[in-house]
C-alpha atoms as a PDB file:
ATOM      1  CA  MET A   1    -117.359 -29.267-107.661  1.00  0.00           C
ATOM      2  CA  ALA A   2    -119.263 -28.305-110.782  1.00  0.00           C
ATOM      3  CA  ALA A   3    -122.689 -26.759-111.276  1.00  0.00           C
ATOM      4  CA  ILE A   4    -124.588 -26.159-114.492  1.00  0.00           C
ATOM      5  CA  CYS A   5    -127.751 -24.250-115.488  1.00  0.00           C
ATOM      6  CA  ALA A   6    -129.728 -23.360-112.317  1.00  0.00           C
ATOM      7  CA  ALA A   7    -127.538 -25.464-110.000  1.00  0.00           C
ATOM      8  CA  PRO A   8    -125.199 -22.556-109.146  1.00  0.00           C
ATOM      9  CA  THR A   9    -128.165 -20.853-107.452  1.00  0.00           C
ATOM     10  CA  VAL A  10    -128.595 -23.919-105.222  1.00  0.00           C
ATOM     11  CA  LEU A  11    -124.941 -23.647-104.213  1.00  0.00           C
ATOM     12  CA  ASN A  12    -125.458 -19.948-103.550  1.00  0.00           C
ATOM     13  CA  ASP A  13    -128.545 -20.580-101.396  1.00  0.00           C
ATOM     14  CA  ALA A  14    -126.500 -23.100 -99.381  1.00  0.00           C
ATOM     15  CA  GLY A  15    -123.803 -20.468 -98.787  1.00  0.00           C
ATOM     16  CA  LEU A  16    -121.177 -22.313-100.821  1.00  0.00           C
ATOM     17  CA  LEU A  17    -120.450 -19.411-103.171  1.00  0.00           C
ATOM     18  CA  ALA A  18    -119.623 -16.908-100.447  1.00  0.00           C
ATOM     19  CA  GLY A  19    -116.156 -15.506-100.975  1.00  0.00           C
ATOM     20  CA  ARG A  20    -115.785 -17.067-104.421  1.00  0.00           C
ATOM     21  CA  ALA A  21    -114.498 -14.934-107.287  1.00  0.00           C
ATOM     22  CA  ALA A  22    -117.301 -15.295-109.842  1.00  0.00           C
ATOM     23  CA  HIS A  23    -119.910 -17.627-111.286  1.00  0.00           C
ATOM     24  CA  THR A  24    -122.291 -18.106-114.176  1.00  0.00           C
ATOM     25  CA  ALA A  25    -125.642 -19.827-114.649  1.00  0.00           C
ATOM     26  CA  PHE A  26    -128.541 -20.004-117.072  1.00  0.00           C
ATOM     27  CA  SER A  27    -129.516 -16.447-118.064  1.00  0.00           C
ATOM     28  CA  ARG A  28    -132.763 -16.418-116.072  1.00  0.00           C
ATOM     29  CA  HIS A  29    -130.905 -17.355-112.864  1.00  0.00           C
ATOM     30  CA  ARG A  30    -127.711 -15.283-113.121  1.00  0.00           C
ATOM     31  CA  ARG A  31    -129.267 -12.310-111.315  1.00  0.00           C
ATOM     32  CA  ARG A  32    -129.512 -14.502-108.184  1.00  0.00           C
ATOM     33  CA  LEU A  33    -125.729 -14.931-108.037  1.00  0.00           C
ATOM     34  CA  PRO A  34    -123.527 -12.514-106.082  1.00  0.00           C
ATOM     35  CA  THR A  35    -120.868 -12.083-108.782  1.00  0.00           C
ATOM     36  CA  SER A  36    -122.101 -13.275-112.155  1.00  0.00           C
ATOM     37  CA  LEU A  37    -120.051 -13.177-115.364  1.00  0.00           C
ATOM     38  CA  SER A  38    -122.837 -13.282-117.942  1.00  0.00           C
ATOM     39  CA  ASP A  39    -120.557 -13.108-120.978  1.00  0.00           C
ATOM     40  CA  GLN A  40    -118.664 -16.319-120.138  1.00  0.00           C
ATOM     41  CA  ARG A  41    -119.857 -19.852-120.942  1.00  0.00           C
ATOM     42  CA  VAL A  42    -117.831 -21.451-118.119  1.00  0.00           C
ATOM     43  CA  VAL A  43    -116.342 -19.808-115.047  1.00  0.00           C
ATOM     44  CA  GLU A  44    -113.678 -21.512-112.930  1.00  0.00           C
ATOM     45  CA  ASP A  45    -112.873 -20.443-109.406  1.00  0.00           C
ATOM     46  CA  GLY A  46    -109.560 -22.094-108.719  1.00  0.00           C
ATOM     47  CA  LEU A  47    -109.435 -25.875-108.606  1.00  0.00           C
ATOM     48  CA  LEU A  48    -112.523 -26.266-106.437  1.00  0.00           C
ATOM     49  CA  LEU A  49    -115.478 -24.841-108.348  1.00  0.00           C
ATOM     50  CA  SER A  50    -116.625 -24.547-111.958  1.00  0.00           C
ATOM     51  CA  THR A  51    -119.978 -23.242-113.140  1.00  0.00           C
ATOM     52  CA  SER A  52    -121.518 -23.091-116.600  1.00  0.00           C
ATOM     53  CA  ARG A  53    -124.590 -21.638-118.259  1.00  0.00           C
ATOM     54  CA  GLY A  54    -126.528 -24.726-119.310  1.00  0.00           C
ATOM     55  CA  ALA A  55    -126.759 -27.837-121.452  1.00  0.00           C
ATOM     56  CA  GLY A  56    -125.204 -26.033-124.418  1.00  0.00           C
ATOM     57  CA  THR A  57    -122.034 -25.456-122.387  1.00  0.00           C
ATOM     58  CA  ALA A  58    -121.733 -28.963-120.910  1.00  0.00           C
ATOM     59  CA  LEU A  59    -118.874 -29.956-123.223  1.00  0.00           C
ATOM     60  CA  ASP A  60    -117.009 -26.755-122.383  1.00  0.00           C
ATOM     61  CA  LEU A  61    -117.421 -27.496-118.699  1.00  0.00           C
ATOM     62  CA  GLY A  62    -116.424 -31.138-119.062  1.00  0.00           C
ATOM     63  CA  THR A  63    -113.201 -30.447-120.946  1.00  0.00           C
ATOM     64  CA  ARG A  64    -111.738 -28.175-118.277  1.00  0.00           C
END
């Protein structure tokens, strides 16, 4: 599963980020995430979940 920009907050609201190591999202939305890594463009949590900051990081997300 992958989420970009504000989409990680939707996953969080649905309870899908509970127990996950860390995440990232667009700067305005990162504060809504339980464990945000604001200095990283893409954050991977094992093989199941990847999140990225926004459109500018889409290629980084897609090449992982």
